[in-house]
Amino acid sequence: MNFVVVQTQKYEGDNWWNWSLFIQGSNEDLDQIEAVTYRLHPTFPKPIRTTTNRASKFQLQCAGWGVFTIPIEVRLKNGDTIELEHDLQFTFPDERGDS
Protein backbone atom coordinates (compact mmCIF):
# COMPACT_ATOMS: atom_id res chain seq x y z
CA MET A 1 0.00 0.00 0.00
CA ASN A 2 1.22 3.44 -0.87
CA PHE A 3 -0.39 6.44 0.84
CA VAL A 4 0.53 10.11 0.51
CA VAL A 5 -0.74 12.94 2.71
CA VAL A 6 -1.91 15.89 0.60
CA GLN A 7 -2.41 19.43 1.94
CA THR A 8 -4.63 22.18 0.56
CA GLN A 9 -4.54 25.74 1.85
CA LYS A 10 -6.27 29.07 1.42
CA TYR A 11 -4.88 32.30 2.83
CA GLU A 12 -7.62 34.31 4.55
CA GLY A 13 -5.53 37.34 5.54
CA ASP A 14 -3.97 38.48 8.82
CA ASN A 15 -1.69 35.41 8.81
CA TRP A 16 -4.73 33.08 9.02
CA TRP A 17 -5.22 29.97 6.86
CA ASN A 18 -8.00 27.53 6.09
CA TRP A 19 -6.33 24.21 5.36
CA SER A 20 -7.08 20.54 4.93
CA LEU A 21 -5.28 17.23 4.75
CA PHE A 22 -6.39 14.07 3.01
CA ILE A 23 -4.97 10.68 2.10
CA GLN A 24 -4.12 9.99 -1.51
CA GLY A 25 -3.75 6.46 -2.81
CA SER A 26 -5.24 4.01 -5.26
CA ASN A 27 -8.94 3.26 -4.85
CA GLU A 28 -8.05 -0.29 -3.83
CA ASP A 29 -5.68 0.95 -1.13
CA LEU A 30 -8.10 3.61 0.16
CA ASP A 31 -10.82 0.95 0.41
CA GLN A 32 -8.60 -0.88 2.95
CA ILE A 33 -8.68 2.05 5.40
CA GLU A 34 -11.03 1.92 8.36
CA ALA A 35 -10.10 5.27 9.95
CA VAL A 36 -7.46 8.00 9.96
CA THR A 37 -6.44 9.82 13.16
CA TYR A 38 -4.71 13.20 12.98
CA ARG A 39 -2.85 14.47 16.06
CA LEU A 40 -2.87 18.25 15.95
CA HIS A 41 -0.87 20.67 18.07
CA PRO A 42 -2.17 20.55 21.69
CA THR A 43 -3.36 24.18 21.45
CA PHE A 44 -6.18 23.07 19.09
CA PRO A 45 -9.59 22.29 20.51
CA LYS A 46 -9.93 18.49 20.33
CA PRO A 47 -6.36 17.98 19.06
CA ILE A 48 -6.93 14.27 18.31
CA ARG A 49 -9.33 13.95 15.39
CA THR A 50 -10.44 10.77 13.71
CA THR A 51 -12.33 10.44 10.44
CA THR A 52 -13.89 7.42 8.76
CA ASN A 53 -15.16 9.31 5.69
CA ARG A 54 -13.83 7.33 2.72
CA ALA A 55 -15.71 9.58 0.24
CA SER A 56 -13.58 12.58 1.31
CA LYS A 57 -10.37 10.51 1.30
CA PHE A 58 -10.41 10.80 5.09
CA GLN A 59 -10.11 14.58 4.92
CA LEU A 60 -9.43 16.81 7.91
CA GLN A 61 -10.48 20.47 7.58
CA CYS A 62 -8.96 23.04 9.90
CA ALA A 63 -7.88 26.65 10.28
CA GLY A 64 -5.02 28.37 12.03
CA TRP A 65 -1.82 30.34 11.75
CA GLY A 66 1.06 28.12 12.85
CA VAL A 67 3.04 25.34 11.22
CA PHE A 68 3.92 22.05 12.93
CA THR A 69 4.37 18.34 12.28
CA ILE A 70 1.17 16.29 12.36
CA PRO A 71 1.45 12.59 13.28
CA ILE A 72 -1.14 10.55 11.37
CA GLU A 73 -2.30 7.01 12.11
CA VAL A 74 -3.96 5.09 9.28
CA ARG A 75 -5.95 2.18 10.73
CA LEU A 76 -6.64 -0.56 8.21
CA LYS A 77 -9.67 -2.84 8.16
CA ASN A 78 -7.41 -5.85 8.81
CA GLY A 79 -6.30 -4.33 12.13
CA ASP A 80 -2.86 -3.13 10.99
CA THR A 81 -1.80 0.50 11.37
CA ILE A 82 0.44 2.68 9.24
CA GLU A 83 2.18 5.66 10.84
CA LEU A 84 2.59 8.76 8.67
CA GLU A 85 3.38 12.38 9.40
CA HIS A 86 2.93 15.66 7.58
CA ASP A 87 4.86 18.89 8.03
CA LEU A 88 2.18 21.56 7.81
CA GLN A 89 3.58 24.45 5.78
CA PHE A 90 1.97 27.56 4.32
CA THR A 91 2.95 29.54 1.24
CA PHE A 92 1.71 33.10 1.02
CA PRO A 93 -0.05 34.05 -2.21
CA ASP A 94 1.99 36.16 -4.63
CA GLU A 95 -0.06 39.23 -3.79
CA ARG A 96 -0.92 39.96 -0.19
CA GLY A 97 -3.98 42.10 -0.86
CA ASP A 98 -6.51 42.88 1.86
CA SER A 99 -9.20 40.81 0.19
PDB file of N, CA and C in Angstrom:
ATOM      1  N   MET A   1       0.838  -1.186   0.000  1.00  0.00           N
ATOM      2  CA  MET A   1       0.000   0.000   0.000  1.00  0.00           C
ATOM      3  C   MET A   1       0.877   1.241   0.000  1.00  0.00           C
ATOM      4  N   ASN A   2       0.452   2.212  -0.762  1.00  0.00           N
ATOM      5  CA  ASN A   2       1.219   3.437  -0.868  1.00  0.00           C
ATOM      6  C   ASN A   2       0.285   4.619  -0.640  1.00  0.00           C
ATOM      7  N   PHE A   3       0.448   5.287   0.503  1.00  0.00           N
ATOM      8  CA  PHE A   3      -0.387   6.437   0.843  1.00  0.00           C
ATOM      9  C   PHE A   3       0.465   7.698   0.893  1.00  0.00           C
ATOM     10  N   VAL A   4      -0.118   8.805   0.462  1.00  0.00           N
ATOM     11  CA  VAL A   4       0.526  10.109   0.514  1.00  0.00           C
ATOM     12  C   VAL A   4      -0.436  11.064   1.193  1.00  0.00           C
ATOM     13  N   VAL A   5       0.080  11.919   2.079  1.00  0.00           N
ATOM     14  CA  VAL A   5      -0.737  12.941   2.712  1.00  0.00           C
ATOM     15  C   VAL A   5      -0.662  14.197   1.842  1.00  0.00           C
ATOM     16  N   VAL A   6      -1.837  14.712   1.457  1.00  0.00           N
ATOM     17  CA  VAL A   6      -1.913  15.893   0.605  1.00  0.00           C
ATOM     18  C   VAL A   6      -2.504  17.042   1.410  1.00  0.00           C
ATOM     19  N   GLN A   7      -1.936  18.228   1.242  1.00  0.00           N
ATOM     20  CA  GLN A   7      -2.412  19.433   1.940  1.00  0.00           C
ATOM     21  C   GLN A   7      -2.978  20.416   0.932  1.00  0.00           C
ATOM     22  N   THR A   8      -4.119  21.032   1.285  1.00  0.00           N
ATOM     23  CA  THR A   8      -4.627  22.184   0.559  1.00  0.00           C
ATOM     24  C   THR A   8      -4.617  23.357   1.525  1.00  0.00           C
ATOM     25  N   GLN A   9      -4.586  24.565   0.988  1.00  0.00           N
ATOM     26  CA  GLN A   9      -4.539  25.745   1.848  1.00  0.00           C
ATOM     27  C   GLN A   9      -5.172  26.925   1.139  1.00  0.00           C
ATOM     28  N   LYS A  10      -5.743  27.813   1.940  1.00  0.00           N
ATOM     29  CA  LYS A  10      -6.266  29.070   1.416  1.00  0.00           C
ATOM     30  C   LYS A  10      -5.954  30.164   2.422  1.00  0.00           C
ATOM     31  N   TYR A  11      -5.242  31.181   1.962  1.00  0.00           N
ATOM     32  CA  TYR A  11      -4.884  32.297   2.835  1.00  0.00           C
ATOM     33  C   TYR A  11      -6.093  33.206   2.997  1.00  0.00           C
ATOM     34  N   GLU A  12      -6.450  33.494   4.249  1.00  0.00           N
ATOM     35  CA  GLU A  12      -7.625  34.310   4.547  1.00  0.00           C
ATOM     36  C   GLU A  12      -7.266  35.736   4.956  1.00  0.00           C
ATOM     37  N   GLY A  13      -5.977  36.025   5.102  1.00  0.00           N
ATOM     38  CA  GLY A  13      -5.527  37.341   5.540  1.00  0.00           C
ATOM     39  C   GLY A  13      -5.154  37.327   7.006  1.00  0.00           C
ATOM     40  N   ASP A  14      -4.411  38.346   7.426  1.00  0.00           N
ATOM     41  CA  ASP A  14      -3.974  38.476   8.821  1.00  0.00           C
ATOM     42  C   ASP A  14      -3.275  37.221   9.332  1.00  0.00           C
ATOM     43  N   ASN A  15      -2.458  36.600   8.465  1.00  0.00           N
ATOM     44  CA  ASN A  15      -1.694  35.409   8.811  1.00  0.00           C
ATOM     45  C   ASN A  15      -2.578  34.228   9.237  1.00  0.00           C
ATOM     46  N   TRP A  16      -3.778  34.141   8.685  1.00  0.00           N
ATOM     47  CA  TRP A  16      -4.734  33.076   9.017  1.00  0.00           C
ATOM     48  C   TRP A  16      -5.013  32.236   7.777  1.00  0.00           C
ATOM     49  N   TRP A  17      -5.064  30.912   7.965  1.00  0.00           N
ATOM     50  CA  TRP A  17      -5.224  29.973   6.855  1.00  0.00           C
ATOM     51  C   TRP A  17      -6.370  29.004   7.119  1.00  0.00           C
ATOM     52  N   ASN A  18      -7.132  28.699   6.086  1.00  0.00           N
ATOM     53  CA  ASN A  18      -7.997  27.526   6.088  1.00  0.00           C
ATOM     54  C   ASN A  18      -7.197  26.445   5.368  1.00  0.00           C
ATOM     55  N   TRP A  19      -7.125  25.265   5.961  1.00  0.00           N
ATOM     56  CA  TRP A  19      -6.334  24.207   5.357  1.00  0.00           C
ATOM     57  C   TRP A  19      -6.989  22.851   5.574  1.00  0.00           C
ATOM     58  N   SER A  20      -6.575  21.904   4.763  1.00  0.00           N
ATOM     59  CA  SER A  20      -7.081  20.544   4.929  1.00  0.00           C
ATOM     60  C   SER A  20      -5.988  19.553   4.559  1.00  0.00           C
ATOM     61  N   LEU A  21      -6.138  18.361   5.084  1.00  0.00           N
ATOM     62  CA  LEU A  21      -5.279  17.235   4.746  1.00  0.00           C
ATOM     63  C   LEU A  21      -6.169  16.087   4.309  1.00  0.00           C
ATOM     64  N   PHE A  22      -5.686  15.294   3.364  1.00  0.00           N
ATOM     65  CA  PHE A  22      -6.393  14.069   3.005  1.00  0.00           C
ATOM     66  C   PHE A  22      -5.378  13.035   2.549  1.00  0.00           C
ATOM     67  N   ILE A  23      -5.834  11.797   2.464  1.00  0.00           N
ATOM     68  CA  ILE A  23      -4.970  10.675   2.104  1.00  0.00           C
ATOM     69  C   ILE A  23      -5.166  10.358   0.627  1.00  0.00           C
ATOM     70  N   GLN A  24      -4.067  10.345  -0.097  1.00  0.00           N
ATOM     71  CA  GLN A  24      -4.117   9.995  -1.506  1.00  0.00           C
ATOM     72  C   GLN A  24      -3.537   8.603  -1.679  1.00  0.00           C
ATOM     73  N   GLY A  25      -4.202   7.806  -2.503  1.00  0.00           N
ATOM     74  CA  GLY A  25      -3.745   6.463  -2.810  1.00  0.00           C
ATOM     75  C   GLY A  25      -4.657   5.862  -3.858  1.00  0.00           C
ATOM     76  N   SER A  26      -4.368   4.662  -4.286  1.00  0.00           N
ATOM     77  CA  SER A  26      -5.241   4.006  -5.259  1.00  0.00           C
ATOM     78  C   SER A  26      -6.590   3.720  -4.594  1.00  0.00           C
ATOM     79  N   ASN A  27      -7.626   3.583  -5.401  1.00  0.00           N
ATOM     80  CA  ASN A  27      -8.944   3.261  -4.846  1.00  0.00           C
ATOM     81  C   ASN A  27      -8.901   1.967  -4.046  1.00  0.00           C
ATOM     82  N   GLU A  28      -8.146   0.989  -4.532  1.00  0.00           N
ATOM     83  CA  GLU A  28      -8.048  -0.292  -3.831  1.00  0.00           C
ATOM     84  C   GLU A  28      -7.399  -0.104  -2.465  1.00  0.00           C
ATOM     85  N   ASP A  29      -6.343   0.708  -2.404  1.00  0.00           N
ATOM     86  CA  ASP A  29      -5.677   0.949  -1.130  1.00  0.00           C
ATOM     87  C   ASP A  29      -6.571   1.747  -0.186  1.00  0.00           C
ATOM     88  N   LEU A  30      -7.216   2.806  -0.687  1.00  0.00           N
ATOM     89  CA  LEU A  30      -8.095   3.612   0.161  1.00  0.00           C
ATOM     90  C   LEU A  30      -9.244   2.783   0.719  1.00  0.00           C
ATOM     91  N   ASP A  31      -9.727   1.813  -0.048  1.00  0.00           N
ATOM     92  CA  ASP A  31     -10.816   0.951   0.415  1.00  0.00           C
ATOM     93  C   ASP A  31     -10.395   0.085   1.603  1.00  0.00           C
ATOM     94  N   GLN A  32      -9.098  -0.076   1.834  1.00  0.00           N
ATOM     95  CA  GLN A  32      -8.603  -0.880   2.950  1.00  0.00           C
ATOM     96  C   GLN A  32      -8.544  -0.101   4.262  1.00  0.00           C
ATOM     97  N   ILE A  33      -8.773   1.224   4.210  1.00  0.00           N
ATOM     98  CA  ILE A  33      -8.676   2.055   5.402  1.00  0.00           C
ATOM     99  C   ILE A  33      -9.984   2.050   6.172  1.00  0.00           C
ATOM    100  N   GLU A  34      -9.872   1.832   7.472  1.00  0.00           N
ATOM    101  CA  GLU A  34     -11.027   1.918   8.357  1.00  0.00           C
ATOM    102  C   GLU A  34     -11.174   3.334   8.914  1.00  0.00           C
ATOM    103  N   ALA A  35     -10.056   3.945   9.344  1.00  0.00           N
ATOM    104  CA  ALA A  35     -10.097   5.274   9.953  1.00  0.00           C
ATOM    105  C   ALA A  35      -8.722   5.902   9.881  1.00  0.00           C
ATOM    106  N   VAL A  36      -8.713   7.242   9.922  1.00  0.00           N
ATOM    107  CA  VAL A  36      -7.464   8.000   9.963  1.00  0.00           C
ATOM    108  C   VAL A  36      -7.543   8.953  11.152  1.00  0.00           C
ATOM    109  N   THR A  37      -6.502   8.935  11.992  1.00  0.00           N
ATOM    110  CA  THR A  37      -6.435   9.816  13.161  1.00  0.00           C
ATOM    111  C   THR A  37      -5.308  10.817  12.968  1.00  0.00           C
ATOM    112  N   TYR A  38      -5.661  12.095  13.088  1.00  0.00           N
ATOM    113  CA  TYR A  38      -4.707  13.198  12.984  1.00  0.00           C
ATOM    114  C   TYR A  38      -4.468  13.738  14.392  1.00  0.00           C
ATOM    115  N   ARG A  39      -3.207  13.922  14.749  1.00  0.00           N
ATOM    116  CA  ARG A  39      -2.848  14.470  16.063  1.00  0.00           C
ATOM    117  C   ARG A  39      -2.319  15.889  15.873  1.00  0.00           C
ATOM    118  N   LEU A  40      -3.200  16.842  16.136  1.00  0.00           N
ATOM    119  CA  LEU A  40      -2.873  18.249  15.947  1.00  0.00           C
ATOM    120  C   LEU A  40      -2.089  18.787  17.136  1.00  0.00           C
ATOM    121  N   HIS A  41      -1.573  19.989  16.978  1.00  0.00           N
ATOM    122  CA  HIS A  41      -0.867  20.667  18.069  1.00  0.00           C
ATOM    123  C   HIS A  41      -1.801  20.745  19.273  1.00  0.00           C
ATOM    124  N   PRO A  42      -1.292  20.588  20.504  1.00  0.00           N
ATOM    125  CA  PRO A  42      -2.166  20.553  21.689  1.00  0.00           C
ATOM    126  C   PRO A  42      -2.936  21.844  21.949  1.00  0.00           C
ATOM    127  N   THR A  43      -2.596  22.936  21.265  1.00  0.00           N
ATOM    128  CA  THR A  43      -3.359  24.178  21.446  1.00  0.00           C
ATOM    129  C   THR A  43      -4.692  24.161  20.696  1.00  0.00           C
ATOM    130  N   PHE A  44      -4.909  23.177  19.816  1.00  0.00           N
ATOM    131  CA  PHE A  44      -6.175  23.069  19.090  1.00  0.00           C
ATOM    132  C   PHE A  44      -7.257  22.495  19.990  1.00  0.00           C
ATOM    133  N   PRO A  45      -8.491  22.980  19.835  1.00  0.00           N
ATOM    134  CA  PRO A  45      -9.590  22.287  20.512  1.00  0.00           C
ATOM    135  C   PRO A  45      -9.689  20.868  19.928  1.00  0.00           C
ATOM    136  N   LYS A  46      -9.876  19.884  20.772  1.00  0.00           N
ATOM    137  CA  LYS A  46      -9.928  18.488  20.327  1.00  0.00           C
ATOM    138  C   LYS A  46      -8.741  18.181  19.400  1.00  0.00           C
ATOM    139  N   PRO A  47      -7.527  18.156  19.925  1.00  0.00           N
ATOM    140  CA  PRO A  47      -6.358  17.976  19.059  1.00  0.00           C
ATOM    141  C   PRO A  47      -6.240  16.594  18.419  1.00  0.00           C
ATOM    142  N   ILE A  48      -6.938  15.597  18.934  1.00  0.00           N
ATOM    143  CA  ILE A  48      -6.932  14.275  18.313  1.00  0.00           C
ATOM    144  C   ILE A  48      -8.249  14.112  17.568  1.00  0.00           C
ATOM    145  N   ARG A  49      -8.134  14.006  16.236  1.00  0.00           N
ATOM    146  CA  ARG A  49      -9.333  13.955  15.393  1.00  0.00           C
ATOM    147  C   ARG A  49      -9.270  12.740  14.484  1.00  0.00           C
ATOM    148  N   THR A  50     -10.359  11.986  14.495  1.00  0.00           N
ATOM    149  CA  THR A  50     -10.438  10.767  13.707  1.00  0.00           C
ATOM    150  C   THR A  50     -11.572  10.889  12.698  1.00  0.00           C
ATOM    151  N   THR A  51     -11.300  10.451  11.472  1.00  0.00           N
ATOM    152  CA  THR A  51     -12.328  10.445  10.437  1.00  0.00           C
ATOM    153  C   THR A  51     -12.424   9.053   9.809  1.00  0.00           C
ATOM    154  N   THR A  52     -13.637   8.684   9.450  1.00  0.00           N
ATOM    155  CA  THR A  52     -13.893   7.423   8.761  1.00  0.00           C
ATOM    156  C   THR A  52     -14.530   7.677   7.398  1.00  0.00           C
ATOM    157  N   ASN A  53     -14.473   8.911   6.919  1.00  0.00           N
ATOM    158  CA  ASN A  53     -15.160   9.306   5.691  1.00  0.00           C
ATOM    159  C   ASN A  53     -14.325   8.965   4.462  1.00  0.00           C
ATOM    160  N   ARG A  54     -14.550   7.800   3.911  1.00  0.00           N
ATOM    161  CA  ARG A  54     -13.826   7.331   2.719  1.00  0.00           C
ATOM    162  C   ARG A  54     -14.098   8.242   1.526  1.00  0.00           C
ATOM    163  N   ALA A  55     -15.336   8.754   1.382  1.00  0.00           N
ATOM    164  CA  ALA A  55     -15.706   9.578   0.235  1.00  0.00           C
ATOM    165  C   ALA A  55     -14.851  10.844   0.146  1.00  0.00           C
ATOM    166  N   SER A  56     -14.409  11.368   1.295  1.00  0.00           N
ATOM    167  CA  SER A  56     -13.582  12.578   1.311  1.00  0.00           C
ATOM    168  C   SER A  56     -12.089  12.251   1.331  1.00  0.00           C
ATOM    169  N   LYS A  57     -11.749  10.988   1.169  1.00  0.00           N
ATOM    170  CA  LYS A  57     -10.371  10.507   1.298  1.00  0.00           C
ATOM    171  C   LYS A  57      -9.833  10.801   2.699  1.00  0.00           C
ATOM    172  N   PHE A  58     -10.762  10.656   3.674  1.00  0.00           N
ATOM    173  CA  PHE A  58     -10.407  10.803   5.091  1.00  0.00           C
ATOM    174  C   PHE A  58      -9.871  12.205   5.388  1.00  0.00           C
ATOM    175  N   GLN A  59     -10.549  13.186   4.820  1.00  0.00           N
ATOM    176  CA  GLN A  59     -10.111  14.579   4.916  1.00  0.00           C
ATOM    177  C   GLN A  59     -10.328  15.177   6.302  1.00  0.00           C
ATOM    178  N   LEU A  60      -9.353  15.977   6.706  1.00  0.00           N
ATOM    179  CA  LEU A  60      -9.433  16.805   7.905  1.00  0.00           C
ATOM    180  C   LEU A  60      -9.449  18.250   7.439  1.00  0.00           C
ATOM    181  N   GLN A  61     -10.429  19.046   7.903  1.00  0.00           N
ATOM    182  CA  GLN A  61     -10.479  20.472   7.585  1.00  0.00           C
ATOM    183  C   GLN A  61     -10.218  21.256   8.855  1.00  0.00           C
ATOM    184  N   CYS A  62      -9.366  22.273   8.735  1.00  0.00           N
ATOM    185  CA  CYS A  62      -8.956  23.036   9.899  1.00  0.00           C
ATOM    186  C   CYS A  62      -8.638  24.467   9.499  1.00  0.00           C
ATOM    187  N   ALA A  63      -8.323  25.276  10.508  1.00  0.00           N
ATOM    188  CA  ALA A  63      -7.880  26.650  10.275  1.00  0.00           C
ATOM    189  C   ALA A  63      -6.892  27.018  11.367  1.00  0.00           C
ATOM    190  N   GLY A  64      -5.985  27.940  11.037  1.00  0.00           N
ATOM    191  CA  GLY A  64      -5.019  28.375  12.033  1.00  0.00           C
ATOM    192  C   GLY A  64      -3.916  29.192  11.406  1.00  0.00           C
ATOM    193  N   TRP A  65      -2.894  29.468  12.206  1.00  0.00           N
ATOM    194  CA  TRP A  65      -1.815  30.337  11.750  1.00  0.00           C
ATOM    195  C   TRP A  65      -0.440  29.703  11.842  1.00  0.00           C
ATOM    196  N   GLY A  66      -0.272  28.660  12.622  1.00  0.00           N
ATOM    197  CA  GLY A  66       1.058  28.119  12.854  1.00  0.00           C
ATOM    198  C   GLY A  66       1.338  26.855  12.066  1.00  0.00           C
ATOM    199  N   VAL A  67       2.628  26.561  11.896  1.00  0.00           N
ATOM    200  CA  VAL A  67       3.040  25.338  11.222  1.00  0.00           C
ATOM    201  C   VAL A  67       3.626  24.375  12.252  1.00  0.00           C
ATOM    202  N   PHE A  68       3.455  23.084  12.009  1.00  0.00           N
ATOM    203  CA  PHE A  68       3.923  22.055  12.927  1.00  0.00           C
ATOM    204  C   PHE A  68       3.844  20.710  12.224  1.00  0.00           C
ATOM    205  N   THR A  69       4.438  19.695  12.822  1.00  0.00           N
ATOM    206  CA  THR A  69       4.375  18.336  12.280  1.00  0.00           C
ATOM    207  C   THR A  69       3.154  17.632  12.848  1.00  0.00           C
ATOM    208  N   ILE A  70       2.399  16.971  11.966  1.00  0.00           N
ATOM    209  CA  ILE A  70       1.169  16.291  12.362  1.00  0.00           C
ATOM    210  C   ILE A  70       1.378  14.776  12.234  1.00  0.00           C
ATOM    211  N   PRO A  71       1.432  14.051  13.361  1.00  0.00           N
ATOM    212  CA  PRO A  71       1.451  12.586  13.285  1.00  0.00           C
ATOM    213  C   PRO A  71       0.078  12.085  12.823  1.00  0.00           C
ATOM    214  N   ILE A  72       0.095  11.087  11.956  1.00  0.00           N
ATOM    215  CA  ILE A  72      -1.137  10.554  11.372  1.00  0.00           C
ATOM    216  C   ILE A  72      -1.101   9.035  11.485  1.00  0.00           C
ATOM    217  N   GLU A  73      -2.180   8.468  12.019  1.00  0.00           N
ATOM    218  CA  GLU A  73      -2.295   7.015  12.111  1.00  0.00           C
ATOM    219  C   GLU A  73      -3.391   6.556  11.155  1.00  0.00           C
ATOM    220  N   VAL A  74      -3.009   5.695  10.220  1.00  0.00           N
ATOM    221  CA  VAL A  74      -3.962   5.095   9.281  1.00  0.00           C
ATOM    222  C   VAL A  74      -4.267   3.704   9.804  1.00  0.00           C
ATOM    223  N   ARG A  75      -5.528   3.486  10.208  1.00  0.00           N
ATOM    224  CA  ARG A  75      -5.947   2.182  10.729  1.00  0.00           C
ATOM    225  C   ARG A  75      -6.633   1.413   9.605  1.00  0.00           C
ATOM    226  N   LEU A  76      -6.095   0.248   9.292  1.00  0.00           N
ATOM    227  CA  LEU A  76      -6.637  -0.564   8.213  1.00  0.00           C
ATOM    228  C   LEU A  76      -7.721  -1.501   8.721  1.00  0.00           C
ATOM    229  N   LYS A  77      -8.560  -1.944   7.803  1.00  0.00           N
ATOM    230  CA  LYS A  77      -9.668  -2.839   8.158  1.00  0.00           C
ATOM    231  C   LYS A  77      -9.172  -4.186   8.679  1.00  0.00           C
ATOM    232  N   ASN A  78      -7.943  -4.571   8.319  1.00  0.00           N
ATOM    233  CA  ASN A  78      -7.407  -5.854   8.808  1.00  0.00           C
ATOM    234  C   ASN A  78      -6.773  -5.734  10.185  1.00  0.00           C
ATOM    235  N   GLY A  79      -6.833  -4.530  10.791  1.00  0.00           N
ATOM    236  CA  GLY A  79      -6.296  -4.333  12.132  1.00  0.00           C
ATOM    237  C   GLY A  79      -4.898  -3.736  12.170  1.00  0.00           C
ATOM    238  N   ASP A  80      -4.192  -3.725  11.045  1.00  0.00           N
ATOM    239  CA  ASP A  80      -2.857  -3.127  10.990  1.00  0.00           C
ATOM    240  C   ASP A  80      -2.965  -1.602  11.034  1.00  0.00           C
ATOM    241  N   THR A  81      -1.862  -0.964  11.405  1.00  0.00           N
ATOM    242  CA  THR A  81      -1.801   0.500  11.366  1.00  0.00           C
ATOM    243  C   THR A  81      -0.551   0.921  10.602  1.00  0.00           C
ATOM    244  N   ILE A  82      -0.674   2.073   9.956  1.00  0.00           N
ATOM    245  CA  ILE A  82       0.440   2.681   9.240  1.00  0.00           C
ATOM    246  C   ILE A  82       0.631   4.060   9.834  1.00  0.00           C
ATOM    247  N   GLU A  83       1.865   4.354  10.245  1.00  0.00           N
ATOM    248  CA  GLU A  83       2.177   5.661  10.836  1.00  0.00           C
ATOM    249  C   GLU A  83       2.740   6.578   9.752  1.00  0.00           C
ATOM    250  N   LEU A  84       2.119   7.733   9.602  1.00  0.00           N
ATOM    251  CA  LEU A  84       2.588   8.755   8.674  1.00  0.00           C
ATOM    252  C   LEU A  84       2.779  10.046   9.453  1.00  0.00           C
ATOM    253  N   GLU A  85       3.366  11.048   8.815  1.00  0.00           N
ATOM    254  CA  GLU A  85       3.382  12.376   9.396  1.00  0.00           C
ATOM    255  C   GLU A  85       3.422  13.387   8.263  1.00  0.00           C
ATOM    256  N   HIS A  86       2.949  14.588   8.578  1.00  0.00           N
ATOM    257  CA  HIS A  86       2.930  15.658   7.583  1.00  0.00           C
ATOM    258  C   HIS A  86       3.430  16.937   8.231  1.00  0.00           C
ATOM    259  N   ASP A  87       4.381  17.597   7.566  1.00  0.00           N
ATOM    260  CA  ASP A  87       4.860  18.895   8.028  1.00  0.00           C
ATOM    261  C   ASP A  87       3.966  19.972   7.436  1.00  0.00           C
ATOM    262  N   LEU A  88       3.079  20.506   8.263  1.00  0.00           N
ATOM    263  CA  LEU A  88       2.181  21.561   7.815  1.00  0.00           C
ATOM    264  C   LEU A  88       3.008  22.785   7.463  1.00  0.00           C
ATOM    265  N   GLN A  89       2.857  23.277   6.260  1.00  0.00           N
ATOM    266  CA  GLN A  89       3.580  24.455   5.775  1.00  0.00           C
ATOM    267  C   GLN A  89       2.599  25.339   5.015  1.00  0.00           C
ATOM    268  N   PHE A  90       2.818  26.632   5.060  1.00  0.00           N
ATOM    269  CA  PHE A  90       1.975  27.564   4.322  1.00  0.00           C
ATOM    270  C   PHE A  90       2.836  28.395   3.390  1.00  0.00           C
ATOM    271  N   THR A  91       2.298  28.682   2.215  1.00  0.00           N
ATOM    272  CA  THR A  91       2.945  29.544   1.239  1.00  0.00           C
ATOM    273  C   THR A  91       2.026  30.724   0.983  1.00  0.00           C
ATOM    274  N   PHE A  92       2.523  31.911   1.253  1.00  0.00           N
ATOM    275  CA  PHE A  92       1.711  33.101   1.022  1.00  0.00           C
ATOM    276  C   PHE A  92       1.434  33.267  -0.467  1.00  0.00           C
ATOM    277  N   PRO A  93       0.240  33.767  -0.801  1.00  0.00           N
ATOM    278  CA  PRO A  93      -0.046  34.049  -2.212  1.00  0.00           C
ATOM    279  C   PRO A  93       0.923  35.125  -2.723  1.00  0.00           C
ATOM    280  N   ASP A  94       1.072  35.189  -4.035  1.00  0.00           N
ATOM    281  CA  ASP A  94       1.994  36.164  -4.634  1.00  0.00           C
ATOM    282  C   ASP A  94       1.654  37.599  -4.237  1.00  0.00           C
ATOM    283  N   GLU A  95       0.364  37.891  -4.186  1.00  0.00           N
ATOM    284  CA  GLU A  95      -0.057  39.230  -3.794  1.00  0.00           C
ATOM    285  C   GLU A  95      -0.753  39.150  -2.456  1.00  0.00           C
ATOM    286  N   ARG A  96      -0.330  39.966  -1.521  1.00  0.00           N
ATOM    287  CA  ARG A  96      -0.915  39.962  -0.185  1.00  0.00           C
ATOM    288  C   ARG A  96      -1.958  41.075  -0.062  1.00  0.00           C
ATOM    289  N   GLY A  97      -2.938  41.079  -0.921  1.00  0.00           N
ATOM    290  CA  GLY A  97      -3.985  42.096  -0.862  1.00  0.00           C
ATOM    291  C   GLY A  97      -4.839  41.936   0.378  1.00  0.00           C
ATOM    292  N   ASP A  98      -5.647  42.921   0.668  1.00  0.00           N
ATOM    293  CA  ASP A  98      -6.508  42.881   1.857  1.00  0.00           C
ATOM    294  C   ASP A  98      -7.792  42.114   1.626  1.00  0.00           C
ATOM    295  N   SER A  99      -7.943  41.512   0.475  1.00  0.00           N
ATOM    296  CA  SER A  99      -9.198  40.806   0.193  1.00  0.00           C
ATOM    297  C   SER A  99      -9.270  39.463   0.870  1.00  0.00           C
TER     298      SER A  99
END
